[in-house]
Amino acid sequence: MSYVRVLRLLLPAALLLLLLPVASAHADDDRVPPVRDRATRAACGSCHMAFQPGFLPARSWEAIMASLDNHFGARVALPEGEREAVTRYLVQNAGDRISGELASAFMARVHPRGTPRRLTENPEFIHEHRKTSWYEVGNSAIGSIVNCRACHRKAEKGRYDD
């Protein structure tokens, strides 16, 4: 086999291997790790989708969990041990503590001392949803802008590419 023929065979394979990490990184652009902690899914998911911690910085999760007596107009009563476990999970997996394209994008727009108390206060959320019609949001099938599953069918799995 000639040297030129070997190069013709190996060069495309080598280029494919070089492009593989780029394709993989691109596939993760619209993903965050799903909520894997059972206690967090149960505590948060009993009223709304358990939002992935990667959308807010750790200080936001600490503030949210410290004010459960007035959690957006409702009183959330969790046993102390469960509250601590959920807080620990949210903080350890917060957007400023993990890597990933989507979490990084959400953290990049948060002011360094900013503490968004809601996902909808995150500047990246606002930017991403700027073209969302309020008619769509008010639609009874959607109900609320934080009903992620209404538009993002795989939201609970951390996939927002639809």
C-alpha atoms as a PDB file:
ATOM      1  CA  MET A   1       0.000   0.000   0.000  1.00  0.00           C
ATOM      2  CA  SER A   2       1.423   3.343  -0.986  1.00  0.00           C
ATOM      3  CA  TYR A   3       2.113   6.172   1.430  1.00  0.00           C
ATOM      4  CA  VAL A   4      -0.378   8.435  -0.375  1.00  0.00           C
ATOM      5  CA  ARG A   5      -3.117   5.823  -0.129  1.00  0.00           C
ATOM      6  CA  VAL A   6      -2.502   5.387   3.612  1.00  0.00           C
ATOM      7  CA  LEU A   7      -2.759   9.162   4.052  1.00  0.00           C
ATOM      8  CA  ARG A   8      -6.027   9.222   2.105  1.00  0.00           C
ATOM      9  CA  LEU A   9      -7.465   6.658   4.487  1.00  0.00           C
ATOM     10  CA  LEU A  10      -6.075   8.022   7.731  1.00  0.00           C
ATOM     11  CA  LEU A  11      -6.567  11.746   7.168  1.00  0.00           C
ATOM     12  CA  PRO A  12     -10.400  11.666   7.110  1.00  0.00           C
ATOM     13  CA  ALA A  13     -10.437   9.402  10.170  1.00  0.00           C
ATOM     14  CA  ALA A  14      -8.069  11.749  12.024  1.00  0.00           C
ATOM     15  CA  LEU A  15     -10.208  14.780  11.125  1.00  0.00           C
ATOM     16  CA  LEU A  16     -13.321  12.989  12.325  1.00  0.00           C
ATOM     17  CA  LEU A  17     -11.658  12.252  15.660  1.00  0.00           C
ATOM     18  CA  LEU A  18     -10.631  15.890  16.006  1.00  0.00           C
ATOM     19  CA  LEU A  19     -14.178  17.116  15.353  1.00  0.00           C
ATOM     20  CA  LEU A  20     -15.838  14.684  17.759  1.00  0.00           C
ATOM     21  CA  PRO A  21     -15.268  16.823  20.906  1.00  0.00           C
ATOM     22  CA  VAL A  22     -16.686  19.874  19.101  1.00  0.00           C
ATOM     23  CA  ALA A  23     -19.855  17.983  18.168  1.00  0.00           C
ATOM     24  CA  SER A  24     -20.149  16.651  21.701  1.00  0.00           C
ATOM     25  CA  ALA A  25     -19.757  20.117  23.210  1.00  0.00           C
ATOM     26  CA  HIS A  26     -22.360  21.470  20.800  1.00  0.00           C
ATOM     27  CA  ALA A  27     -24.808  18.764  21.877  1.00  0.00           C
ATOM     28  CA  ASP A  28     -24.486  19.969  25.488  1.00  0.00           C
ATOM     29  CA  ASP A  29     -25.227  23.624  24.668  1.00  0.00           C
ATOM     30  CA  ASP A  30     -28.867  23.351  25.701  1.00  0.00           C
ATOM     31  CA  ARG A  31     -28.517  20.943  28.614  1.00  0.00           C
ATOM     32  CA  VAL A  32     -27.996  21.109  32.326  1.00  0.00           C
ATOM     33  CA  PRO A  33     -27.687  18.128  34.634  1.00  0.00           C
ATOM     34  CA  PRO A  34     -31.147  16.914  35.665  1.00  0.00           C
ATOM     35  CA  VAL A  35     -32.174  16.937  39.326  1.00  0.00           C
ATOM     36  CA  ARG A  36     -30.967  13.529  40.464  1.00  0.00           C
ATOM     37  CA  ASP A  37     -31.436  13.951  44.196  1.00  0.00           C
ATOM     38  CA  ARG A  38     -34.594  12.141  45.310  1.00  0.00           C
ATOM     39  CA  ALA A  39     -35.264  14.455  48.282  1.00  0.00           C
ATOM     40  CA  THR A  40     -34.948  17.557  46.090  1.00  0.00           C
ATOM     41  CA  ARG A  41     -37.240  16.123  43.424  1.00  0.00           C
ATOM     42  CA  ALA A  42     -39.818  15.221  46.076  1.00  0.00           C
ATOM     43  CA  ALA A  43     -39.650  18.484  48.049  1.00  0.00           C
ATOM     44  CA  CYS A  44     -39.650  20.836  45.063  1.00  0.00           C
ATOM     45  CA  GLY A  45     -41.492  18.683  42.561  1.00  0.00           C
ATOM     46  CA  SER A  46     -44.583  18.318  44.726  1.00  0.00           C
ATOM     47  CA  CYS A  47     -45.653  21.863  43.723  1.00  0.00           C
ATOM     48  CA  HIS A  48     -43.711  22.636  40.535  1.00  0.00           C
ATOM     49  CA  MET A  49     -41.046  21.141  38.330  1.00  0.00           C
ATOM     50  CA  ALA A  50     -37.862  20.709  40.339  1.00  0.00           C
ATOM     51  CA  PHE A  51     -35.699  23.270  38.553  1.00  0.00           C
ATOM     52  CA  GLN A  52     -32.130  22.315  37.793  1.00  0.00           C
ATOM     53  CA  PRO A  53     -29.780  24.062  40.220  1.00  0.00           C
ATOM     54  CA  GLY A  54     -27.517  25.063  37.308  1.00  0.00           C
ATOM     55  CA  PHE A  55     -29.820  27.954  36.419  1.00  0.00           C
ATOM     56  CA  LEU A  56     -29.007  29.990  39.538  1.00  0.00           C
ATOM     57  CA  PRO A  57     -25.850  30.705  41.554  1.00  0.00           C
ATOM     58  CA  ALA A  58     -25.325  29.054  44.940  1.00  0.00           C
ATOM     59  CA  ARG A  59     -26.147  32.289  46.821  1.00  0.00           C
ATOM     60  CA  SER A  60     -29.575  32.338  45.161  1.00  0.00           C
ATOM     61  CA  TRP A  61     -30.360  28.790  46.277  1.00  0.00           C
ATOM     62  CA  GLU A  62     -29.204  29.631  49.804  1.00  0.00           C
ATOM     63  CA  ALA A  63     -31.513  32.672  49.861  1.00  0.00           C
ATOM     64  CA  ILE A  64     -34.470  30.724  48.442  1.00  0.00           C
ATOM     65  CA  MET A  65     -34.053  27.871  50.905  1.00  0.00           C
ATOM     66  CA  ALA A  66     -33.619  30.290  53.829  1.00  0.00           C
ATOM     67  CA  SER A  67     -36.999  31.879  53.105  1.00  0.00           C
ATOM     68  CA  LEU A  68     -39.260  28.846  52.754  1.00  0.00           C
ATOM     69  CA  ASP A  69     -41.726  30.390  55.200  1.00  0.00           C
ATOM     70  CA  ASN A  70     -42.662  32.721  52.311  1.00  0.00           C
ATOM     71  CA  HIS A  71     -41.805  30.776  49.165  1.00  0.00           C
ATOM     72  CA  PHE A  72     -43.422  32.967  46.520  1.00  0.00           C
ATOM     73  CA  GLY A  73     -46.545  33.403  48.608  1.00  0.00           C
ATOM     74  CA  ALA A  74     -46.692  29.903  50.071  1.00  0.00           C
ATOM     75  CA  ARG A  75     -45.295  28.447  53.274  1.00  0.00           C
ATOM     76  CA  VAL A  76     -43.130  25.401  52.632  1.00  0.00           C
ATOM     77  CA  ALA A  77     -42.597  23.279  55.720  1.00  0.00           C
ATOM     78  CA  LEU A  78     -39.707  20.842  55.435  1.00  0.00           C
ATOM     79  CA  PRO A  79     -38.147  18.957  58.324  1.00  0.00           C
ATOM     80  CA  GLU A  80     -34.812  20.598  59.188  1.00  0.00           C
ATOM     81  CA  GLY A  81     -32.718  17.638  58.015  1.00  0.00           C
ATOM     82  CA  GLU A  82     -34.523  17.499  54.694  1.00  0.00           C
ATOM     83  CA  ARG A  83     -34.222  21.271  54.211  1.00  0.00           C
ATOM     84  CA  GLU A  84     -30.477  21.050  54.883  1.00  0.00           C
ATOM     85  CA  ALA A  85     -30.066  18.122  52.470  1.00  0.00           C
ATOM     86  CA  VAL A  86     -32.004  19.872  49.695  1.00  0.00           C
ATOM     87  CA  THR A  87     -30.079  23.110  50.261  1.00  0.00           C
ATOM     88  CA  ARG A  88     -26.777  21.231  50.149  1.00  0.00           C
ATOM     89  CA  TYR A  89     -27.742  19.543  46.863  1.00  0.00           C
ATOM     90  CA  LEU A  90     -28.885  22.816  45.254  1.00  0.00           C
ATOM     91  CA  VAL A  91     -25.765  24.708  46.361  1.00  0.00           C
ATOM     92  CA  GLN A  92     -23.338  21.960  45.300  1.00  0.00           C
ATOM     93  CA  ASN A  93     -24.945  21.792  41.855  1.00  0.00           C
ATOM     94  CA  ALA A  94     -25.548  25.513  41.356  1.00  0.00           C
ATOM     95  CA  GLY A  95     -24.613  27.199  38.102  1.00  0.00           C
ATOM     96  CA  ASP A  96     -21.512  28.801  39.582  1.00  0.00           C
ATOM     97  CA  ARG A  97     -20.314  25.434  40.933  1.00  0.00           C
ATOM     98  CA  ILE A  98     -20.689  23.200  37.869  1.00  0.00           C
ATOM     99  CA  SER A  99     -19.391  23.297  34.321  1.00  0.00           C
ATOM    100  CA  GLY A 100     -21.456  23.182  31.166  1.00  0.00           C
ATOM    101  CA  GLU A 101     -22.458  25.517  28.380  1.00  0.00           C
ATOM    102  CA  LEU A 102     -25.992  26.276  29.513  1.00  0.00           C
ATOM    103  CA  ALA A 103     -25.132  26.783  33.189  1.00  0.00           C
ATOM    104  CA  SER A 104     -22.189  28.988  32.156  1.00  0.00           C
ATOM    105  CA  ALA A 105     -24.447  31.060  29.903  1.00  0.00           C
ATOM    106  CA  PHE A 106     -26.919  31.567  32.751  1.00  0.00           C
ATOM    107  CA  MET A 107     -24.132  32.569  35.162  1.00  0.00           C
ATOM    108  CA  ALA A 108     -22.423  34.902  32.679  1.00  0.00           C
ATOM    109  CA  ARG A 109     -25.341  37.350  32.776  1.00  0.00           C
ATOM    110  CA  VAL A 110     -25.805  37.370  36.552  1.00  0.00           C
ATOM    111  CA  HIS A 111     -24.165  40.379  38.218  1.00  0.00           C
ATOM    112  CA  PRO A 112     -21.190  39.209  40.347  1.00  0.00           C
ATOM    113  CA  ARG A 113     -23.045  40.265  43.509  1.00  0.00           C
ATOM    114  CA  GLY A 114     -26.516  39.593  42.121  1.00  0.00           C
ATOM    115  CA  THR A 115     -28.804  37.109  43.805  1.00  0.00           C
ATOM    116  CA  PRO A 116     -31.754  36.324  41.564  1.00  0.00           C
ATOM    117  CA  ARG A 117     -34.526  34.897  43.750  1.00  0.00           C
ATOM    118  CA  ARG A 118     -36.396  33.380  40.826  1.00  0.00           C
ATOM    119  CA  LEU A 119     -35.366  31.622  37.653  1.00  0.00           C
ATOM    120  CA  THR A 120     -37.342  34.272  35.771  1.00  0.00           C
ATOM    121  CA  GLU A 121     -35.099  36.999  37.266  1.00  0.00           C
ATOM    122  CA  ASN A 122     -31.989  35.501  35.700  1.00  0.00           C
ATOM    123  CA  PRO A 123     -30.935  37.798  32.824  1.00  0.00           C
ATOM    124  CA  GLU A 124     -30.210  34.809  30.567  1.00  0.00           C
ATOM    125  CA  PHE A 125     -33.709  33.420  31.168  1.00  0.00           C
ATOM    126  CA  ILE A 126     -35.130  36.823  30.232  1.00  0.00           C
ATOM    127  CA  HIS A 127     -32.912  36.949  27.137  1.00  0.00           C
ATOM    128  CA  GLU A 128     -33.824  33.413  26.021  1.00  0.00           C
ATOM    129  CA  HIS A 129     -37.547  34.031  26.478  1.00  0.00           C
ATOM    130  CA  ARG A 130     -37.678  37.574  25.068  1.00  0.00           C
ATOM    131  CA  LYS A 131     -39.604  36.378  22.009  1.00  0.00           C
ATOM    132  CA  THR A 132     -42.079  34.336  24.013  1.00  0.00           C
ATOM    133  CA  SER A 133     -45.532  35.702  23.455  1.00  0.00           C
ATOM    134  CA  TRP A 134     -47.389  36.590  26.643  1.00  0.00           C
ATOM    135  CA  TYR A 135     -50.443  35.207  24.882  1.00  0.00           C
ATOM    136  CA  GLU A 136     -48.711  31.818  24.839  1.00  0.00           C
ATOM    137  CA  VAL A 137     -47.794  32.134  28.496  1.00  0.00           C
ATOM    138  CA  GLY A 138     -51.347  33.071  29.478  1.00  0.00           C
ATOM    139  CA  ASN A 139     -52.692  30.073  27.580  1.00  0.00           C
ATOM    140  CA  SER A 140     -54.349  27.713  30.040  1.00  0.00           C
ATOM    141  CA  ALA A 141     -52.283  24.784  28.738  1.00  0.00           C
ATOM    142  CA  ILE A 142     -49.087  26.621  29.694  1.00  0.00           C
ATOM    143  CA  GLY A 143     -50.303  28.547  32.710  1.00  0.00           C
ATOM    144  CA  SER A 144     -47.022  30.155  33.741  1.00  0.00           C
ATOM    145  CA  ILE A 145     -43.673  31.144  32.260  1.00  0.00           C
ATOM    146  CA  VAL A 146     -42.021  28.710  34.697  1.00  0.00           C
ATOM    147  CA  ASN A 147     -43.972  25.751  33.364  1.00  0.00           C
ATOM    148  CA  CYS A 148     -40.892  24.675  31.422  1.00  0.00           C
ATOM    149  CA  ARG A 149     -42.403  21.345  30.365  1.00  0.00           C
ATOM    150  CA  ALA A 150     -45.106  23.110  28.349  1.00  0.00           C
ATOM    151  CA  CYS A 151     -42.560  24.168  25.717  1.00  0.00           C
ATOM    152  CA  HIS A 152     -39.504  22.058  26.560  1.00  0.00           C
ATOM    153  CA  ARG A 153     -40.731  18.475  26.588  1.00  0.00           C
ATOM    154  CA  LYS A 154     -37.478  17.142  28.065  1.00  0.00           C
ATOM    155  CA  ALA A 155     -37.015  19.898  30.647  1.00  0.00           C
ATOM    156  CA  GLU A 156     -37.002  17.534  33.619  1.00  0.00           C
ATOM    157  CA  LYS A 157     -34.099  15.692  31.999  1.00  0.00           C
ATOM    158  CA  GLY A 158     -32.235  18.994  31.693  1.00  0.00           C
ATOM    159  CA  ARG A 159     -32.692  19.292  27.928  1.00  0.00           C
ATOM    160  CA  TYR A 160     -33.852  22.628  26.549  1.00  0.00           C
ATOM    161  CA  ASP A 161     -33.011  22.192  22.873  1.00  0.00           C
ATOM    162  CA  ASP A 162     -36.588  22.241  21.561  1.00  0.00           C
END
